[in-house]
Amino acid sequence: MFDLDHPFFRPLWIRLAVVVLCFGWAAVELSGGYTGWAMLFGGLGGYSAWRFFVTFDPRDPEE
């Protein structure tokens, strides 16, 4: 669904920002009592952390 190996995500600060924003928004939703949305954004944060820091393999821009 999302191309997380895109060259846009090559800089470390962009990958960190995406993961922190997902987990941060999950915390906001959890503090508001919306556990469903918190689980959704927590899952997105976990998935993006896995893809960005464990299995990340950026493509070359020429491809």
PDB file of N, CA and C in Angstrom:
ATOM      1  N   MET A   1       0.825  -1.180   0.000  1.00  0.00           N
ATOM      2  CA  MET A   1       0.000   0.000   0.000  1.00  0.00           C
ATOM      3  C   MET A   1       0.876   1.253   0.000  1.00  0.00           C
ATOM      4  N   PHE A   2       1.904   1.284   0.815  1.00  0.00           N
ATOM      5  CA  PHE A   2       2.804   2.428   0.859  1.00  0.00           C
ATOM      6  C   PHE A   2       4.189   1.965   0.452  1.00  0.00           C
ATOM      7  N   ASP A   3       4.886   2.777  -0.335  1.00  0.00           N
ATOM      8  CA  ASP A   3       6.240   2.450  -0.760  1.00  0.00           C
ATOM      9  C   ASP A   3       7.221   3.049   0.239  1.00  0.00           C
ATOM     10  N   LEU A   4       7.535   2.306   1.290  1.00  0.00           N
ATOM     11  CA  LEU A   4       8.408   2.812   2.337  1.00  0.00           C
ATOM     12  C   LEU A   4       9.884   2.666   1.991  1.00  0.00           C
ATOM     13  N   ASP A   5      10.204   2.125   0.815  1.00  0.00           N
ATOM     14  CA  ASP A   5      11.578   2.059   0.344  1.00  0.00           C
ATOM     15  C   ASP A   5      11.882   3.173  -0.650  1.00  0.00           C
ATOM     16  N   HIS A   6      10.988   4.128  -0.775  1.00  0.00           N
ATOM     17  CA  HIS A   6      11.162   5.249  -1.684  1.00  0.00           C
ATOM     18  C   HIS A   6      12.362   6.092  -1.245  1.00  0.00           C
ATOM     19  N   PRO A   7      13.104   6.679  -2.197  1.00  0.00           N
ATOM     20  CA  PRO A   7      14.265   7.504  -1.834  1.00  0.00           C
ATOM     21  C   PRO A   7      13.930   8.702  -0.938  1.00  0.00           C
ATOM     22  N   PHE A   8      12.683   9.127  -0.893  1.00  0.00           N
ATOM     23  CA  PHE A   8      12.280  10.215  -0.003  1.00  0.00           C
ATOM     24  C   PHE A   8      12.591   9.885   1.453  1.00  0.00           C
ATOM     25  N   PHE A   9      12.502   8.619   1.810  1.00  0.00           N
ATOM     26  CA  PHE A   9      12.710   8.194   3.193  1.00  0.00           C
ATOM     27  C   PHE A   9      14.168   7.861   3.501  1.00  0.00           C
ATOM     28  N   ARG A  10      15.090   8.177   2.613  1.00  0.00           N
ATOM     29  CA  ARG A  10      16.504   7.870   2.828  1.00  0.00           C
ATOM     30  C   ARG A  10      17.096   8.608   4.028  1.00  0.00           C
ATOM     31  N   PRO A  11      16.815   9.924   4.229  1.00  0.00           N
ATOM     32  CA  PRO A  11      17.387  10.607   5.411  1.00  0.00           C
ATOM     33  C   PRO A  11      16.816  10.041   6.717  1.00  0.00           C
ATOM     34  N   LEU A  12      17.688   9.869   7.686  1.00  0.00           N
ATOM     35  CA  LEU A  12      17.289   9.299   8.970  1.00  0.00           C
ATOM     36  C   LEU A  12      16.259  10.159   9.688  1.00  0.00           C
ATOM     37  N   TRP A  13      16.379  11.478   9.605  1.00  0.00           N
ATOM     38  CA  TRP A  13      15.470  12.351  10.345  1.00  0.00           C
ATOM     39  C   TRP A  13      14.036  12.229   9.833  1.00  0.00           C
ATOM     40  N   ILE A  14      13.850  11.952   8.561  1.00  0.00           N
ATOM     41  CA  ILE A  14      12.490  11.788   8.029  1.00  0.00           C
ATOM     42  C   ILE A  14      11.881  10.500   8.562  1.00  0.00           C
ATOM     43  N   ARG A  15      12.679   9.432   8.584  1.00  0.00           N
ATOM     44  CA  ARG A  15      12.170   8.156   9.104  1.00  0.00           C
ATOM     45  C   ARG A  15      11.841   8.258  10.588  1.00  0.00           C
ATOM     46  N   LEU A  16      12.704   8.931  11.347  1.00  0.00           N
ATOM     47  CA  LEU A  16      12.420   9.132  12.771  1.00  0.00           C
ATOM     48  C   LEU A  16      11.167   9.970  12.980  1.00  0.00           C
ATOM     49  N   ALA A  17      11.000  11.019  12.170  1.00  0.00           N
ATOM     50  CA  ALA A  17       9.837  11.892  12.312  1.00  0.00           C
ATOM     51  C   ALA A  17       8.536  11.132  12.062  1.00  0.00           C
ATOM     52  N   VAL A  18       8.523  10.261  11.059  1.00  0.00           N
ATOM     53  CA  VAL A  18       7.307   9.493  10.760  1.00  0.00           C
ATOM     54  C   VAL A  18       6.957   8.571  11.924  1.00  0.00           C
ATOM     55  N   VAL A  19       7.955   7.880  12.453  1.00  0.00           N
ATOM     56  CA  VAL A  19       7.706   6.949  13.553  1.00  0.00           C
ATOM     57  C   VAL A  19       7.272   7.691  14.810  1.00  0.00           C
ATOM     58  N   VAL A  20       7.954   8.777  15.141  1.00  0.00           N
ATOM     59  CA  VAL A  20       7.613   9.552  16.343  1.00  0.00           C
ATOM     60  C   VAL A  20       6.224  10.164  16.215  1.00  0.00           C
ATOM     61  N   LEU A  21       5.882  10.662  15.036  1.00  0.00           N
ATOM     62  CA  LEU A  21       4.546  11.240  14.844  1.00  0.00           C
ATOM     63  C   LEU A  21       3.446  10.190  14.994  1.00  0.00           C
ATOM     64  N   CYS A  22       3.663   9.007  14.470  1.00  0.00           N
ATOM     65  CA  CYS A  22       2.658   7.941  14.612  1.00  0.00           C
ATOM     66  C   CYS A  22       2.456   7.564  16.074  1.00  0.00           C
ATOM     67  N   PHE A  23       3.557   7.330  16.787  1.00  0.00           N
ATOM     68  CA  PHE A  23       3.431   6.961  18.198  1.00  0.00           C
ATOM     69  C   PHE A  23       2.922   8.132  19.037  1.00  0.00           C
ATOM     70  N   GLY A  24       3.319   9.346  18.678  1.00  0.00           N
ATOM     71  CA  GLY A  24       2.823  10.520  19.398  1.00  0.00           C
ATOM     72  C   GLY A  24       1.326  10.697  19.223  1.00  0.00           C
ATOM     73  N   TRP A  25       0.858  10.496  18.004  1.00  0.00           N
ATOM     74  CA  TRP A  25      -0.581  10.626  17.785  1.00  0.00           C
ATOM     75  C   TRP A  25      -1.346   9.499  18.473  1.00  0.00           C
ATOM     76  N   ALA A  26      -0.748   8.327  18.546  1.00  0.00           N
ATOM     77  CA  ALA A  26      -1.374   7.228  19.286  1.00  0.00           C
ATOM     78  C   ALA A  26      -1.506   7.598  20.759  1.00  0.00           C
ATOM     79  N   ALA A  27      -0.498   8.269  21.316  1.00  0.00           N
ATOM     80  CA  ALA A  27      -0.570   8.700  22.717  1.00  0.00           C
ATOM     81  C   ALA A  27      -1.648   9.756  22.910  1.00  0.00           C
ATOM     82  N   VAL A  28      -1.791  10.662  21.945  1.00  0.00           N
ATOM     83  CA  VAL A  28      -2.838  11.684  22.031  1.00  0.00           C
ATOM     84  C   VAL A  28      -4.214  11.023  22.023  1.00  0.00           C
ATOM     85  N   GLU A  29      -4.409  10.072  21.120  1.00  0.00           N
ATOM     86  CA  GLU A  29      -5.696   9.388  21.041  1.00  0.00           C
ATOM     87  C   GLU A  29      -5.968   8.563  22.303  1.00  0.00           C
ATOM     88  N   LEU A  30      -4.942   7.937  22.838  1.00  0.00           N
ATOM     89  CA  LEU A  30      -5.111   7.150  24.056  1.00  0.00           C
ATOM     90  C   LEU A  30      -5.459   8.039  25.243  1.00  0.00           C
ATOM     91  N   SER A  31      -4.844   9.214  25.315  1.00  0.00           N
ATOM     92  CA  SER A  31      -5.153  10.128  26.418  1.00  0.00           C
ATOM     93  C   SER A  31      -6.572  10.672  26.320  1.00  0.00           C
ATOM     94  N   GLY A  32      -7.122  10.692  25.114  1.00  0.00           N
ATOM     95  CA  GLY A  32      -8.496  11.133  24.931  1.00  0.00           C
ATOM     96  C   GLY A  32      -9.509  10.019  25.120  1.00  0.00           C
ATOM     97  N   GLY A  33      -9.031   8.810  25.324  1.00  0.00           N
ATOM     98  CA  GLY A  33      -9.937   7.694  25.554  1.00  0.00           C
ATOM     99  C   GLY A  33     -10.352   6.965  24.292  1.00  0.00           C
ATOM    100  N   TYR A  34      -9.734   7.248  23.182  1.00  0.00           N
ATOM    101  CA  TYR A  34     -10.086   6.610  21.910  1.00  0.00           C
ATOM    102  C   TYR A  34      -9.108   5.468  21.628  1.00  0.00           C
ATOM    103  N   THR A  35      -9.347   4.342  22.245  1.00  0.00           N
ATOM    104  CA  THR A  35      -8.396   3.230  22.158  1.00  0.00           C
ATOM    105  C   THR A  35      -8.315   2.630  20.758  1.00  0.00           C
ATOM    106  N   GLY A  36      -9.392   2.648  20.026  1.00  0.00           N
ATOM    107  CA  GLY A  36      -9.366   2.118  18.662  1.00  0.00           C
ATOM    108  C   GLY A  36      -8.412   2.895  17.767  1.00  0.00           C
ATOM    109  N   TRP A  37      -8.527   4.214  17.809  1.00  0.00           N
ATOM    110  CA  TRP A  37      -7.621   5.051  17.022  1.00  0.00           C
ATOM    111  C   TRP A  37      -6.193   4.947  17.541  1.00  0.00           C
ATOM    112  N   ALA A  38      -6.035   4.823  18.851  1.00  0.00           N
ATOM    113  CA  ALA A  38      -4.697   4.679  19.428  1.00  0.00           C
ATOM    114  C   ALA A  38      -4.047   3.382  18.949  1.00  0.00           C
ATOM    115  N   MET A  39      -4.819   2.300  18.881  1.00  0.00           N
ATOM    116  CA  MET A  39      -4.269   1.042  18.388  1.00  0.00           C
ATOM    117  C   MET A  39      -3.915   1.139  16.906  1.00  0.00           C
ATOM    118  N   LEU A  40      -4.736   1.836  16.138  1.00  0.00           N
ATOM    119  CA  LEU A  40      -4.457   2.008  14.713  1.00  0.00           C
ATOM    120  C   LEU A  40      -3.141   2.755  14.497  1.00  0.00           C
ATOM    121  N   PHE A  41      -2.986   3.903  15.153  1.00  0.00           N
ATOM    122  CA  PHE A  41      -1.767   4.685  14.970  1.00  0.00           C
ATOM    123  C   PHE A  41      -0.567   4.029  15.641  1.00  0.00           C
ATOM    124  N   GLY A  42      -0.769   3.312  16.725  1.00  0.00           N
ATOM    125  CA  GLY A  42       0.314   2.551  17.328  1.00  0.00           C
ATOM    126  C   GLY A  42       0.788   1.440  16.404  1.00  0.00           C
ATOM    127  N   GLY A  43      -0.159   0.795  15.746  1.00  0.00           N
ATOM    128  CA  GLY A  43       0.194  -0.236  14.767  1.00  0.00           C
ATOM    129  C   GLY A  43       0.943   0.341  13.581  1.00  0.00           C
ATOM    130  N   LEU A  44       0.495   1.504  13.111  1.00  0.00           N
ATOM    131  CA  LEU A  44       1.217   2.169  12.018  1.00  0.00           C
ATOM    132  C   LEU A  44       2.629   2.551  12.445  1.00  0.00           C
ATOM    133  N   GLY A  45       2.768   3.026  13.674  1.00  0.00           N
ATOM    134  CA  GLY A  45       4.087   3.373  14.183  1.00  0.00           C
ATOM    135  C   GLY A  45       4.988   2.158  14.298  1.00  0.00           C
ATOM    136  N   GLY A  46       4.437   1.049  14.778  1.00  0.00           N
ATOM    137  CA  GLY A  46       5.221  -0.177  14.888  1.00  0.00           C
ATOM    138  C   GLY A  46       5.625  -0.726  13.529  1.00  0.00           C
ATOM    139  N   TYR A  47       4.680  -0.702  12.595  1.00  0.00           N
ATOM    140  CA  TYR A  47       4.980  -1.191  11.244  1.00  0.00           C
ATOM    141  C   TYR A  47       6.025  -0.319  10.567  1.00  0.00           C
ATOM    142  N   SER A  48       5.873   0.997  10.679  1.00  0.00           N
ATOM    143  CA  SER A  48       6.842   1.877  10.036  1.00  0.00           C
ATOM    144  C   SER A  48       8.207   1.776  10.714  1.00  0.00           C
ATOM    145  N   ALA A  49       8.260   1.587  12.026  1.00  0.00           N
ATOM    146  CA  ALA A  49       9.542   1.401  12.706  1.00  0.00           C
ATOM    147  C   ALA A  49      10.217   0.126  12.207  1.00  0.00           C
ATOM    148  N   TRP A  50       9.443  -0.935  12.045  1.00  0.00           N
ATOM    149  CA  TRP A  50       9.998  -2.186  11.540  1.00  0.00           C
ATOM    150  C   TRP A  50      10.556  -2.001  10.128  1.00  0.00           C
ATOM    151  N   ARG A  51       9.761  -1.358   9.264  1.00  0.00           N
ATOM    152  CA  ARG A  51      10.178  -1.182   7.867  1.00  0.00           C
ATOM    153  C   ARG A  51      11.332  -0.194   7.727  1.00  0.00           C
ATOM    154  N   PHE A  52      11.378   0.842   8.565  1.00  0.00           N
ATOM    155  CA  PHE A  52      12.407   1.868   8.424  1.00  0.00           C
ATOM    156  C   PHE A  52      13.731   1.496   9.082  1.00  0.00           C
ATOM    157  N   PHE A  53      13.714   0.692  10.133  1.00  0.00           N
ATOM    158  CA  PHE A  53      14.937   0.460  10.877  1.00  0.00           C
ATOM    159  C   PHE A  53      15.399  -0.993  10.884  1.00  0.00           C
ATOM    160  N   VAL A  54      14.580  -1.915  10.422  1.00  0.00           N
ATOM    161  CA  VAL A  54      14.983  -3.319  10.388  1.00  0.00           C
ATOM    162  C   VAL A  54      15.136  -3.800   8.949  1.00  0.00           C
ATOM    163  N   THR A  55      14.157  -3.518   8.103  1.00  0.00           N
ATOM    164  CA  THR A  55      14.177  -4.043   6.738  1.00  0.00           C
ATOM    165  C   THR A  55      14.294  -2.955   5.689  1.00  0.00           C
ATOM    166  N   PHE A  56      14.806  -1.789   6.015  1.00  0.00           N
ATOM    167  CA  PHE A  56      14.870  -0.666   5.082  1.00  0.00           C
ATOM    168  C   PHE A  56      15.928  -0.916   4.015  1.00  0.00           C
ATOM    169  N   ASP A  57      15.538  -0.819   2.755  1.00  0.00           N
ATOM    170  CA  ASP A  57      16.440  -0.987   1.616  1.00  0.00           C
ATOM    171  C   ASP A  57      16.048   0.030   0.547  1.00  0.00           C
ATOM    172  N   PRO A  58      16.576   1.268   0.632  1.00  0.00           N
ATOM    173  CA  PRO A  58      16.140   2.304  -0.301  1.00  0.00           C
ATOM    174  C   PRO A  58      16.582   2.013  -1.724  1.00  0.00           C
ATOM    175  N   ARG A  59      15.726   2.384  -2.648  1.00  0.00           N
ATOM    176  CA  ARG A  59      16.055   2.247  -4.065  1.00  0.00           C
ATOM    177  C   ARG A  59      16.876   3.443  -4.509  1.00  0.00           C
ATOM    178  N   ASP A  60      17.569   3.272  -5.621  1.00  0.00           N
ATOM    179  CA  ASP A  60      18.280   4.398  -6.219  1.00  0.00           C
ATOM    180  C   ASP A  60      17.270   5.287  -6.932  1.00  0.00           C
ATOM    181  N   PRO A  61      17.485   6.611  -6.941  1.00  0.00           N
ATOM    182  CA  PRO A  61      16.529   7.503  -7.623  1.00  0.00           C
ATOM    183  C   PRO A  61      16.415   7.245  -9.117  1.00  0.00           C
ATOM    184  N   GLU A  62      17.414   6.610  -9.726  1.00  0.00           N
ATOM    185  CA  GLU A  62      17.374   6.364 -11.171  1.00  0.00           C
ATOM    186  C   GLU A  62      16.431   5.244 -11.565  1.00  0.00           C
ATOM    187  N   GLU A  63      16.002   4.419 -10.611  1.00  0.00           N
ATOM    188  CA  GLU A  63      15.133   3.283 -10.943  1.00  0.00           C
ATOM    189  C   GLU A  63      13.751   3.725 -11.313  1.00  0.00           C
TER     190      GLU A  63
END
